[in-house]
Amino acid sequence: SVINYLQQVCKWKPYRMLTPAGMAEADPVADNMTDEGKA
């Protein structure tokens, strides 16, 4: 969703966009035991 918007609306050139990655729940930046952390 992010790369589509960047390319189609923000006009970021596709050849300057690296293939996206999905990391699921890996590498959390906050505690997944709280609603605030999950957000």
PDB file of all heavy atoms in Angstrom:
ATOM      1  N   SER A   1       0.830  -1.203   0.000  1.00  0.00           N
ATOM      2  CA  SER A   1       0.000   0.000   0.000  1.00  0.00           C
ATOM      3  C   SER A   1       0.869   1.260   0.000  1.00  0.00           C
ATOM      4  O   SER A   1       0.580   2.239  -0.695  1.00  0.00           O
ATOM      5  CB  SER A   1      -0.914   0.017   1.229  1.00  0.00           C
ATOM      6  OG  SER A   1      -1.867  -1.013   1.182  1.00  0.00           O
ATOM      7  N   VAL A   2       1.947   1.201   0.762  1.00  0.00           N
ATOM      8  CA  VAL A   2       2.839   2.355   0.863  1.00  0.00           C
ATOM      9  C   VAL A   2       3.565   2.612  -0.450  1.00  0.00           C
ATOM     10  O   VAL A   2       3.612   3.749  -0.935  1.00  0.00           O
ATOM     11  CB  VAL A   2       3.844   2.162   2.017  1.00  0.00           C
ATOM     12  CG1 VAL A   2       4.979   3.174   1.932  1.00  0.00           C
ATOM     13  CG2 VAL A   2       3.125   2.287   3.359  1.00  0.00           C
ATOM     14  N   ILE A   3       4.128   1.563  -1.061  1.00  0.00           N
ATOM     15  CA  ILE A   3       4.877   1.820  -2.296  1.00  0.00           C
ATOM     16  C   ILE A   3       3.942   2.240  -3.428  1.00  0.00           C
ATOM     17  O   ILE A   3       4.317   3.065  -4.266  1.00  0.00           O
ATOM     18  CB  ILE A   3       5.732   0.611  -2.719  1.00  0.00           C
ATOM     19  CG1 ILE A   3       4.880  -0.610  -3.047  1.00  0.00           C
ATOM     20  CG2 ILE A   3       6.781   0.282  -1.690  1.00  0.00           C
ATOM     21  CD1 ILE A   3       5.652  -1.704  -3.757  1.00  0.00           C
ATOM     22  N   ASN A   4       2.731   1.689  -3.461  1.00  0.00           N
ATOM     23  CA  ASN A   4       1.780   2.105  -4.495  1.00  0.00           C
ATOM     24  C   ASN A   4       1.468   3.591  -4.372  1.00  0.00           C
ATOM     25  O   ASN A   4       1.420   4.317  -5.373  1.00  0.00           O
ATOM     26  CB  ASN A   4       0.491   1.289  -4.401  1.00  0.00           C
ATOM     27  CG  ASN A   4       0.672  -0.136  -4.883  1.00  0.00           C
ATOM     28  OD1 ASN A   4       1.619  -0.436  -5.607  1.00  0.00           O
ATOM     29  ND2 ASN A   4      -0.222  -1.021  -4.477  1.00  0.00           N
ATOM     30  N   TYR A   5       1.254   4.052  -3.138  1.00  0.00           N
ATOM     31  CA  TYR A   5       0.929   5.470  -2.943  1.00  0.00           C
ATOM     32  C   TYR A   5       2.140   6.350  -3.264  1.00  0.00           C
ATOM     33  O   TYR A   5       2.004   7.404  -3.893  1.00  0.00           O
ATOM     34  CB  TYR A   5       0.475   5.704  -1.504  1.00  0.00           C
ATOM     35  CG  TYR A   5      -0.200   7.045  -1.315  1.00  0.00           C
ATOM     36  CD1 TYR A   5      -1.542   7.208  -1.608  1.00  0.00           C
ATOM     37  CD2 TYR A   5       0.524   8.152  -0.860  1.00  0.00           C
ATOM     38  CE1 TYR A   5      -2.170   8.445  -1.463  1.00  0.00           C
ATOM     39  CE2 TYR A   5      -0.086   9.388  -0.707  1.00  0.00           C
ATOM     40  CZ  TYR A   5      -1.436   9.519  -1.015  1.00  0.00           C
ATOM     41  OH  TYR A   5      -2.044  10.742  -0.875  1.00  0.00           O
ATOM     42  N   LEU A   6       3.316   5.920  -2.835  1.00  0.00           N
ATOM     43  CA  LEU A   6       4.524   6.692  -3.115  1.00  0.00           C
ATOM     44  C   LEU A   6       4.745   6.866  -4.615  1.00  0.00           C
ATOM     45  O   LEU A   6       5.123   7.946  -5.082  1.00  0.00           O
ATOM     46  CB  LEU A   6       5.746   6.011  -2.491  1.00  0.00           C
ATOM     47  CG  LEU A   6       5.905   6.154  -0.972  1.00  0.00           C
ATOM     48  CD1 LEU A   6       6.977   5.204  -0.464  1.00  0.00           C
ATOM     49  CD2 LEU A   6       6.250   7.595  -0.588  1.00  0.00           C
ATOM     50  N   GLN A   7       4.493   5.809  -5.373  1.00  0.00           N
ATOM     51  CA  GLN A   7       4.739   5.869  -6.809  1.00  0.00           C
ATOM     52  C   GLN A   7       3.610   6.568  -7.557  1.00  0.00           C
ATOM     53  O   GLN A   7       3.856   7.386  -8.452  1.00  0.00           O
ATOM     54  CB  GLN A   7       4.935   4.453  -7.353  1.00  0.00           C
ATOM     55  CG  GLN A   7       6.209   3.793  -6.861  1.00  0.00           C
ATOM     56  CD  GLN A   7       6.347   2.345  -7.348  1.00  0.00           C
ATOM     57  OE1 GLN A   7       5.526   1.864  -8.125  1.00  0.00           O
ATOM     58  NE2 GLN A   7       7.367   1.663  -6.876  1.00  0.00           N
ATOM     59  N   GLN A   8       2.372   6.264  -7.207  1.00  0.00           N
ATOM     60  CA  GLN A   8       1.232   6.761  -7.977  1.00  0.00           C
ATOM     61  C   GLN A   8       0.841   8.191  -7.612  1.00  0.00           C
ATOM     62  O   GLN A   8       0.452   8.966  -8.483  1.00  0.00           O
ATOM     63  CB  GLN A   8       0.039   5.825  -7.779  1.00  0.00           C
ATOM     64  CG  GLN A   8       0.267   4.430  -8.331  1.00  0.00           C
ATOM     65  CD  GLN A   8      -0.815   3.447  -7.919  1.00  0.00           C
ATOM     66  OE1 GLN A   8      -1.849   3.838  -7.389  1.00  0.00           O
ATOM     67  NE2 GLN A   8      -0.589   2.165  -8.163  1.00  0.00           N
ATOM     68  N   VAL A   9       0.932   8.543  -6.338  1.00  0.00           N
ATOM     69  CA  VAL A   9       0.482   9.861  -5.889  1.00  0.00           C
ATOM     70  C   VAL A   9       1.666  10.791  -5.613  1.00  0.00           C
ATOM     71  O   VAL A   9       1.684  11.938  -6.046  1.00  0.00           O
ATOM     72  CB  VAL A   9      -0.409   9.742  -4.643  1.00  0.00           C
ATOM     73  CG1 VAL A   9      -0.861  11.124  -4.156  1.00  0.00           C
ATOM     74  CG2 VAL A   9      -1.621   8.853  -4.933  1.00  0.00           C
ATOM     75  N   CYS A  10       2.660  10.278  -4.895  1.00  0.00           N
ATOM     76  CA  CYS A  10       3.809  11.115  -4.547  1.00  0.00           C
ATOM     77  C   CYS A  10       4.835  11.199  -5.672  1.00  0.00           C
ATOM     78  O   CYS A  10       5.802  11.956  -5.559  1.00  0.00           O
ATOM     79  CB  CYS A  10       4.474  10.585  -3.280  1.00  0.00           C
ATOM     80  SG  CYS A  10       3.359  10.427  -1.861  1.00  0.00           S
ATOM     81  N   LYS A  11       4.626  10.410  -6.746  1.00  0.00           N
ATOM     82  CA  LYS A  11       5.444  10.457  -7.960  1.00  0.00           C
ATOM     83  C   LYS A  11       6.901  10.071  -7.721  1.00  0.00           C
ATOM     84  O   LYS A  11       7.806  10.566  -8.385  1.00  0.00           O
ATOM     85  CB  LYS A  11       5.373  11.853  -8.602  1.00  0.00           C
ATOM     86  CG  LYS A  11       3.960  12.325  -8.907  1.00  0.00           C
ATOM     87  CD  LYS A  11       3.216  11.342  -9.808  1.00  0.00           C
ATOM     88  CE  LYS A  11       1.796  11.822 -10.119  1.00  0.00           C
ATOM     89  NZ  LYS A  11       1.037  10.826 -10.917  1.00  0.00           N
ATOM     90  N   TRP A  12       7.122   9.172  -6.760  1.00  0.00           N
ATOM     91  CA  TRP A  12       8.471   8.642  -6.565  1.00  0.00           C
ATOM     92  C   TRP A  12       8.766   7.638  -7.680  1.00  0.00           C
ATOM     93  O   TRP A  12       7.978   6.744  -7.936  1.00  0.00           O
ATOM     94  CB  TRP A  12       8.591   7.967  -5.208  1.00  0.00           C
ATOM     95  CG  TRP A  12      10.004   7.551  -4.892  1.00  0.00           C
ATOM     96  CD1 TRP A  12      10.541   6.315  -5.014  1.00  0.00           C
ATOM     97  CD2 TRP A  12      11.058   8.400  -4.416  1.00  0.00           C
ATOM     98  NE1 TRP A  12      11.858   6.323  -4.643  1.00  0.00           N
ATOM     99  CE2 TRP A  12      12.200   7.598  -4.277  1.00  0.00           C
ATOM    100  CE3 TRP A  12      11.140   9.760  -4.102  1.00  0.00           C
ATOM    101  CZ2 TRP A  12      13.419   8.105  -3.825  1.00  0.00           C
ATOM    102  CZ3 TRP A  12      12.358  10.265  -3.657  1.00  0.00           C
ATOM    103  CH2 TRP A  12      13.474   9.438  -3.525  1.00  0.00           C
ATOM    104  N   LYS A  13       9.895   7.787  -8.345  1.00  0.00           N
ATOM    105  CA  LYS A  13      10.207   6.963  -9.509  1.00  0.00           C
ATOM    106  C   LYS A  13      10.427   5.505  -9.112  1.00  0.00           C
ATOM    107  O   LYS A  13      11.157   5.225  -8.155  1.00  0.00           O
ATOM    108  CB  LYS A  13      11.441   7.505 -10.229  1.00  0.00           C
ATOM    109  CG  LYS A  13      11.206   8.889 -10.828  1.00  0.00           C
ATOM    110  CD  LYS A  13      12.457   9.420 -11.509  1.00  0.00           C
ATOM    111  CE  LYS A  13      12.199  10.807 -12.103  1.00  0.00           C
ATOM    112  NZ  LYS A  13      13.415  11.367 -12.742  1.00  0.00           N
ATOM    113  N   PRO A  14       9.810   4.557  -9.829  1.00  0.00           N
ATOM    114  CA  PRO A  14       9.903   3.145  -9.452  1.00  0.00           C
ATOM    115  C   PRO A  14      11.324   2.616  -9.371  1.00  0.00           C
ATOM    116  O   PRO A  14      11.630   1.775  -8.525  1.00  0.00           O
ATOM    117  CB  PRO A  14       9.113   2.436 -10.562  1.00  0.00           C
ATOM    118  CG  PRO A  14       8.142   3.460 -11.039  1.00  0.00           C
ATOM    119  CD  PRO A  14       8.873   4.780 -10.941  1.00  0.00           C
ATOM    120  N   TYR A  15      12.226   3.102 -10.252  1.00  0.00           N
ATOM    121  CA  TYR A  15      13.575   2.542 -10.231  1.00  0.00           C
ATOM    122  C   TYR A  15      14.375   3.023  -9.025  1.00  0.00           C
ATOM    123  O   TYR A  15      15.472   2.521  -8.758  1.00  0.00           O
ATOM    124  CB  TYR A  15      14.322   2.839 -11.538  1.00  0.00           C
ATOM    125  CG  TYR A  15      14.669   4.293 -11.801  1.00  0.00           C
ATOM    126  CD1 TYR A  15      15.749   4.898 -11.171  1.00  0.00           C
ATOM    127  CD2 TYR A  15      13.933   5.045 -12.706  1.00  0.00           C
ATOM    128  CE1 TYR A  15      16.081   6.214 -11.422  1.00  0.00           C
ATOM    129  CE2 TYR A  15      14.257   6.360 -12.964  1.00  0.00           C
ATOM    130  CZ  TYR A  15      15.335   6.947 -12.322  1.00  0.00           C
ATOM    131  OH  TYR A  15      15.659   8.248 -12.584  1.00  0.00           O
ATOM    132  N   ARG A  16      13.813   3.983  -8.280  1.00  0.00           N
ATOM    133  CA  ARG A  16      14.468   4.412  -7.046  1.00  0.00           C
ATOM    134  C   ARG A  16      13.772   3.828  -5.816  1.00  0.00           C
ATOM    135  O   ARG A  16      14.008   4.243  -4.687  1.00  0.00           O
ATOM    136  CB  ARG A  16      14.481   5.945  -6.967  1.00  0.00           C
ATOM    137  CG  ARG A  16      15.294   6.592  -8.073  1.00  0.00           C
ATOM    138  CD  ARG A  16      15.242   8.101  -8.017  1.00  0.00           C
ATOM    139  NE  ARG A  16      15.864   8.642  -6.823  1.00  0.00           N
ATOM    140  CZ  ARG A  16      15.832   9.928  -6.471  1.00  0.00           C
ATOM    141  NH1 ARG A  16      15.180  10.788  -7.238  1.00  0.00           N
ATOM    142  NH2 ARG A  16      16.427  10.355  -5.376  1.00  0.00           N
ATOM    143  N   MET A  17      12.907   2.833  -6.053  1.00  0.00           N
ATOM    144  CA  MET A  17      12.184   2.155  -4.981  1.00  0.00           C
ATOM    145  C   MET A  17      12.660   0.705  -4.918  1.00  0.00           C
ATOM    146  O   MET A  17      12.499  -0.048  -5.877  1.00  0.00           O
ATOM    147  CB  MET A  17      10.680   2.185  -5.262  1.00  0.00           C
ATOM    148  CG  MET A  17       9.849   1.390  -4.274  1.00  0.00           C
ATOM    149  SD  MET A  17       9.683   2.254  -2.709  1.00  0.00           S
ATOM    150  CE  MET A  17       8.624   3.613  -3.196  1.00  0.00           C
ATOM    151  N   LEU A  18      13.249   0.319  -3.813  1.00  0.00           N
ATOM    152  CA  LEU A  18      13.671  -1.058  -3.640  1.00  0.00           C
ATOM    153  C   LEU A  18      12.462  -1.935  -3.325  1.00  0.00           C
ATOM    154  O   LEU A  18      11.471  -1.469  -2.776  1.00  0.00           O
ATOM    155  CB  LEU A  18      14.696  -1.152  -2.517  1.00  0.00           C
ATOM    156  CG  LEU A  18      15.941  -0.290  -2.724  1.00  0.00           C
ATOM    157  CD1 LEU A  18      16.879  -0.418  -1.541  1.00  0.00           C
ATOM    158  CD2 LEU A  18      16.651  -0.680  -4.012  1.00  0.00           C
ATOM    159  N   THR A  19      12.531  -3.195  -3.696  1.00  0.00           N
ATOM    160  CA  THR A  19      11.422  -4.105  -3.458  1.00  0.00           C
ATOM    161  C   THR A  19      11.070  -4.143  -1.967  1.00  0.00           C
ATOM    162  O   THR A  19      11.948  -4.302  -1.128  1.00  0.00           O
ATOM    163  CB  THR A  19      11.780  -5.520  -3.928  1.00  0.00           C
ATOM    164  OG1 THR A  19      12.108  -5.484  -5.307  1.00  0.00           O
ATOM    165  CG2 THR A  19      10.619  -6.479  -3.710  1.00  0.00           C
ATOM    166  N   PRO A  20       9.789  -3.958  -1.615  1.00  0.00           N
ATOM    167  CA  PRO A  20       9.397  -3.907  -0.208  1.00  0.00           C
ATOM    168  C   PRO A  20       9.536  -5.258   0.474  1.00  0.00           C
ATOM    169  O   PRO A  20       9.578  -6.303  -0.172  1.00  0.00           O
ATOM    170  CB  PRO A  20       7.935  -3.470  -0.271  1.00  0.00           C
ATOM    171  CG  PRO A  20       7.462  -3.985  -1.589  1.00  0.00           C
ATOM    172  CD  PRO A  20       8.630  -3.828  -2.518  1.00  0.00           C
ATOM    173  N   ALA A  21       9.595  -5.211   1.802  1.00  0.00           N
ATOM    174  CA  ALA A  21       9.681  -6.433   2.593  1.00  0.00           C
ATOM    175  C   ALA A  21       8.607  -6.417   3.662  1.00  0.00           C
ATOM    176  O   ALA A  21       8.255  -5.355   4.189  1.00  0.00           O
ATOM    177  CB  ALA A  21      11.067  -6.559   3.237  1.00  0.00           C
ATOM    178  N   GLY A  22       8.073  -7.596   3.972  1.00  0.00           N
ATOM    179  CA  GLY A  22       7.139  -7.753   5.077  1.00  0.00           C
ATOM    180  C   GLY A  22       7.821  -8.528   6.190  1.00  0.00           C
ATOM    181  O   GLY A  22       8.291  -9.641   5.963  1.00  0.00           O
ATOM    182  N   MET A  23       7.886  -7.951   7.383  1.00  0.00           N
ATOM    183  CA  MET A  23       8.597  -8.580   8.498  1.00  0.00           C
ATOM    184  C   MET A  23       7.655  -9.072   9.594  1.00  0.00           C
ATOM    185  O   MET A  23       8.105  -9.478  10.667  1.00  0.00           O
ATOM    186  CB  MET A  23       9.589  -7.582   9.101  1.00  0.00           C
ATOM    187  CG  MET A  23      10.679  -7.134   8.141  1.00  0.00           C
ATOM    188  SD  MET A  23      11.786  -8.459   7.626  1.00  0.00           S
ATOM    189  CE  MET A  23      12.659  -8.764   9.163  1.00  0.00           C
ATOM    190  N   ALA A  24       6.324  -9.057   9.310  1.00  0.00           N
ATOM    191  CA  ALA A  24       5.326  -9.540  10.270  1.00  0.00           C
ATOM    192  C   ALA A  24       5.542  -8.869  11.633  1.00  0.00           C
ATOM    193  O   ALA A  24       5.692  -7.674  11.719  1.00  0.00           O
ATOM    194  CB  ALA A  24       5.350 -11.058  10.355  1.00  0.00           C
ATOM    195  N   GLU A  25       5.586  -9.670  12.708  1.00  0.00           N
ATOM    196  CA  GLU A  25       5.699  -9.105  14.054  1.00  0.00           C
ATOM    197  C   GLU A  25       7.133  -8.988  14.530  1.00  0.00           C
ATOM    198  O   GLU A  25       7.404  -8.648  15.685  1.00  0.00           O
ATOM    199  CB  GLU A  25       4.887  -9.933  15.040  1.00  0.00           C
ATOM    200  CG  GLU A  25       5.356 -11.373  15.148  1.00  0.00           C
ATOM    201  CD  GLU A  25       4.359 -12.259  15.882  1.00  0.00           C
ATOM    202  OE1 GLU A  25       3.245 -12.449  15.379  1.00  0.00           O
ATOM    203  OE2 GLU A  25       4.716 -12.737  16.980  1.00  0.00           O
ATOM    204  N   ALA A  26       8.096  -9.276  13.642  1.00  0.00           N
ATOM    205  CA  ALA A  26       9.504  -9.178  14.013  1.00  0.00           C
ATOM    206  C   ALA A  26       9.884  -7.729  14.307  1.00  0.00           C
ATOM    207  O   ALA A  26       9.242  -6.795  13.825  1.00  0.00           O
ATOM    208  CB  ALA A  26      10.379  -9.722  12.886  1.00  0.00           C
ATOM    209  N   ASP A  27      10.922  -7.556  15.109  1.00  0.00           N
ATOM    210  CA  ASP A  27      11.508  -6.242  15.354  1.00  0.00           C
ATOM    211  C   ASP A  27      10.508  -5.228  15.916  1.00  0.00           C
ATOM    212  O   ASP A  27      10.359  -4.129  15.373  1.00  0.00           O
ATOM    213  CB  ASP A  27      12.122  -5.724  14.045  1.00  0.00           C
ATOM    214  CG  ASP A  27      13.011  -4.517  14.257  1.00  0.00           C
ATOM    215  OD1 ASP A  27      13.502  -4.352  15.384  1.00  0.00           O
ATOM    216  OD2 ASP A  27      13.188  -3.746  13.300  1.00  0.00           O
ATOM    217  N   PRO A  28       9.800  -5.556  16.995  1.00  0.00           N
ATOM    218  CA  PRO A  28       8.860  -4.584  17.566  1.00  0.00           C
ATOM    219  C   PRO A  28       9.599  -3.383  18.144  1.00  0.00           C
ATOM    220  O   PRO A  28      10.712  -3.514  18.673  1.00  0.00           O
ATOM    221  CB  PRO A  28       8.156  -5.386  18.666  1.00  0.00           C
ATOM    222  CG  PRO A  28       9.142  -6.443  19.050  1.00  0.00           C
ATOM    223  CD  PRO A  28       9.858  -6.805  17.780  1.00  0.00           C
ATOM    224  N   VAL A  29       8.967  -2.207  18.058  1.00  0.00           N
ATOM    225  CA  VAL A  29       9.568  -1.003  18.629  1.00  0.00           C
ATOM    226  C   VAL A  29       8.948  -0.668  19.981  1.00  0.00           C
ATOM    227  O   VAL A  29       9.401   0.250  20.657  1.00  0.00           O
ATOM    228  CB  VAL A  29       9.410   0.202  17.669  1.00  0.00           C
ATOM    229  CG1 VAL A  29      10.203  -0.024  16.409  1.00  0.00           C
ATOM    230  CG2 VAL A  29       7.940   0.464  17.354  1.00  0.00           C
ATOM    231  N   ALA A  30       7.908  -1.409  20.359  1.00  0.00           N
ATOM    232  CA  ALA A  30       7.234  -1.153  21.632  1.00  0.00           C
ATOM    233  C   ALA A  30       6.680  -2.468  22.182  1.00  0.00           C
ATOM    234  O   ALA A  30       6.700  -3.501  21.499  1.00  0.00           O
ATOM    235  CB  ALA A  30       6.112  -0.131  21.447  1.00  0.00           C
ATOM    236  N   ASP A  31       6.188  -2.429  23.397  1.00  0.00           N
ATOM    237  CA  ASP A  31       5.697  -3.608  24.105  1.00  0.00           C
ATOM    238  C   ASP A  31       4.377  -4.082  23.490  1.00  0.00           C
ATOM    239  O   ASP A  31       3.390  -3.331  23.473  1.00  0.00           O
ATOM    240  CB  ASP A  31       5.512  -3.267  25.582  1.00  0.00           C
ATOM    241  CG  ASP A  31       5.181  -4.491  26.434  1.00  0.00           C
ATOM    242  OD1 ASP A  31       5.007  -5.586  25.863  1.00  0.00           O
ATOM    243  OD2 ASP A  31       5.107  -4.331  27.661  1.00  0.00           O
ATOM    244  N   ASN A  32       4.349  -5.323  23.020  1.00  0.00           N
ATOM    245  CA  ASN A  32       3.135  -5.884  22.437  1.00  0.00           C
ATOM    246  C   ASN A  32       2.112  -6.319  23.482  1.00  0.00           C
ATOM    247  O   ASN A  32       1.046  -6.832  23.127  1.00  0.00           O
ATOM    248  CB  ASN A  32       3.486  -7.071  21.543  1.00  0.00           C
ATOM    249  CG  ASN A  32       3.749  -6.656  20.106  1.00  0.00           C
ATOM    250  OD1 ASN A  32       2.938  -5.976  19.481  1.00  0.00           O
ATOM    251  ND2 ASN A  32       4.898  -7.062  19.583  1.00  0.00           N
ATOM    252  N   MET A  33       2.426  -6.102  24.751  1.00  0.00           N
ATOM    253  CA  MET A  33       1.479  -6.456  25.809  1.00  0.00           C
ATOM    254  C   MET A  33       0.514  -5.320  26.113  1.00  0.00           C
ATOM    255  O   MET A  33      -0.429  -5.495  26.885  1.00  0.00           O
ATOM    256  CB  MET A  33       2.244  -6.843  27.088  1.00  0.00           C
ATOM    257  CG  MET A  33       3.161  -8.048  26.910  1.00  0.00           C
ATOM    258  SD  MET A  33       2.270  -9.543  26.397  1.00  0.00           S
ATOM    259  CE  MET A  33       1.313  -9.870  27.886  1.00  0.00           C
ATOM    260  N   THR A  34       0.738  -4.151  25.521  1.00  0.00           N
ATOM    261  CA  THR A  34      -0.146  -3.007  25.769  1.00  0.00           C
ATOM    262  C   THR A  34      -0.763  -2.544  24.455  1.00  0.00           C
ATOM    263  O   THR A  34      -0.186  -2.724  23.375  1.00  0.00           O
ATOM    264  CB  THR A  34       0.625  -1.836  26.399  1.00  0.00           C
ATOM    265  OG1 THR A  34       1.552  -1.303  25.441  1.00  0.00           O
ATOM    266  CG2 THR A  34       1.389  -2.289  27.633  1.00  0.00           C
ATOM    267  N   ASP A  35      -1.929  -1.909  24.545  1.00  0.00           N
ATOM    268  CA  ASP A  35      -2.584  -1.377  23.346  1.00  0.00           C
ATOM    269  C   ASP A  35      -1.733  -0.286  22.695  1.00  0.00           C
ATOM    270  O   ASP A  35      -1.650  -0.194  21.468  1.00  0.00           O
ATOM    271  CB  ASP A  35      -3.961  -0.813  23.710  1.00  0.00           C
ATOM    272  CG  ASP A  35      -4.958  -1.909  24.075  1.00  0.00           C
ATOM    273  OD1 ASP A  35      -4.704  -3.083  23.697  1.00  0.00           O
ATOM    274  OD2 ASP A  35      -5.971  -1.594  24.720  1.00  0.00           O
ATOM    275  N   GLU A  36      -1.106   0.534  23.533  1.00  0.00           N
ATOM    276  CA  GLU A  36      -0.275   1.611  22.994  1.00  0.00           C
ATOM    277  C   GLU A  36       0.934   1.046  22.245  1.00  0.00           C
ATOM    278  O   GLU A  36       1.314   1.539  21.170  1.00  0.00           O
ATOM    279  CB  GLU A  36       0.206   2.531  24.128  1.00  0.00           C
ATOM    280  CG  GLU A  36      -0.897   3.318  24.805  1.00  0.00           C
ATOM    281  CD  GLU A  36      -1.678   2.488  25.838  1.00  0.00           C
ATOM    282  OE1 GLU A  36      -1.304   1.327  26.082  1.00  0.00           O
ATOM    283  OE2 GLU A  36      -2.672   3.012  26.378  1.00  0.00           O
ATOM    284  N   GLY A  37       1.527   0.004  22.806  1.00  0.00           N
ATOM    285  CA  GLY A  37       2.684  -0.618  22.161  1.00  0.00           C
ATOM    286  C   GLY A  37       2.301  -1.278  20.846  1.00  0.00           C
ATOM    287  O   GLY A  37       3.020  -1.157  19.841  1.00  0.00           O
ATOM    288  N   LYS A  38       1.168  -1.966  20.832  1.00  0.00           N
ATOM    289  CA  LYS A  38       0.701  -2.612  19.610  1.00  0.00           C
ATOM    290  C   LYS A  38       0.474  -1.573  18.508  1.00  0.00           C
ATOM    291  O   LYS A  38       0.788  -1.820  17.334  1.00  0.00           O
ATOM    292  CB  LYS A  38      -0.575  -3.397  19.872  1.00  0.00           C
ATOM    293  CG  LYS A  38      -0.377  -4.642  20.729  1.00  0.00           C
ATOM    294  CD  LYS A  38      -1.719  -5.318  20.999  1.00  0.00           C
ATOM    295  CE  LYS A  38      -1.562  -6.520  21.909  1.00  0.00           C
ATOM    296  NZ  LYS A  38      -2.861  -7.170  22.192  1.00  0.00           N
ATOM    297  N   ALA A  39      -0.086  -0.430  18.879  1.00  0.00           N
ATOM    298  CA  ALA A  39      -0.353   0.627  17.892  1.00  0.00           C
ATOM    299  C   ALA A  39       0.934   1.113  17.251  1.00  0.00           C
ATOM    300  O   ALA A  39       0.978   1.403  16.046  1.00  0.00           O
ATOM    301  CB  ALA A  39      -1.090   1.786  18.554  1.00  0.00           C
TER     302      ALA A  39
END
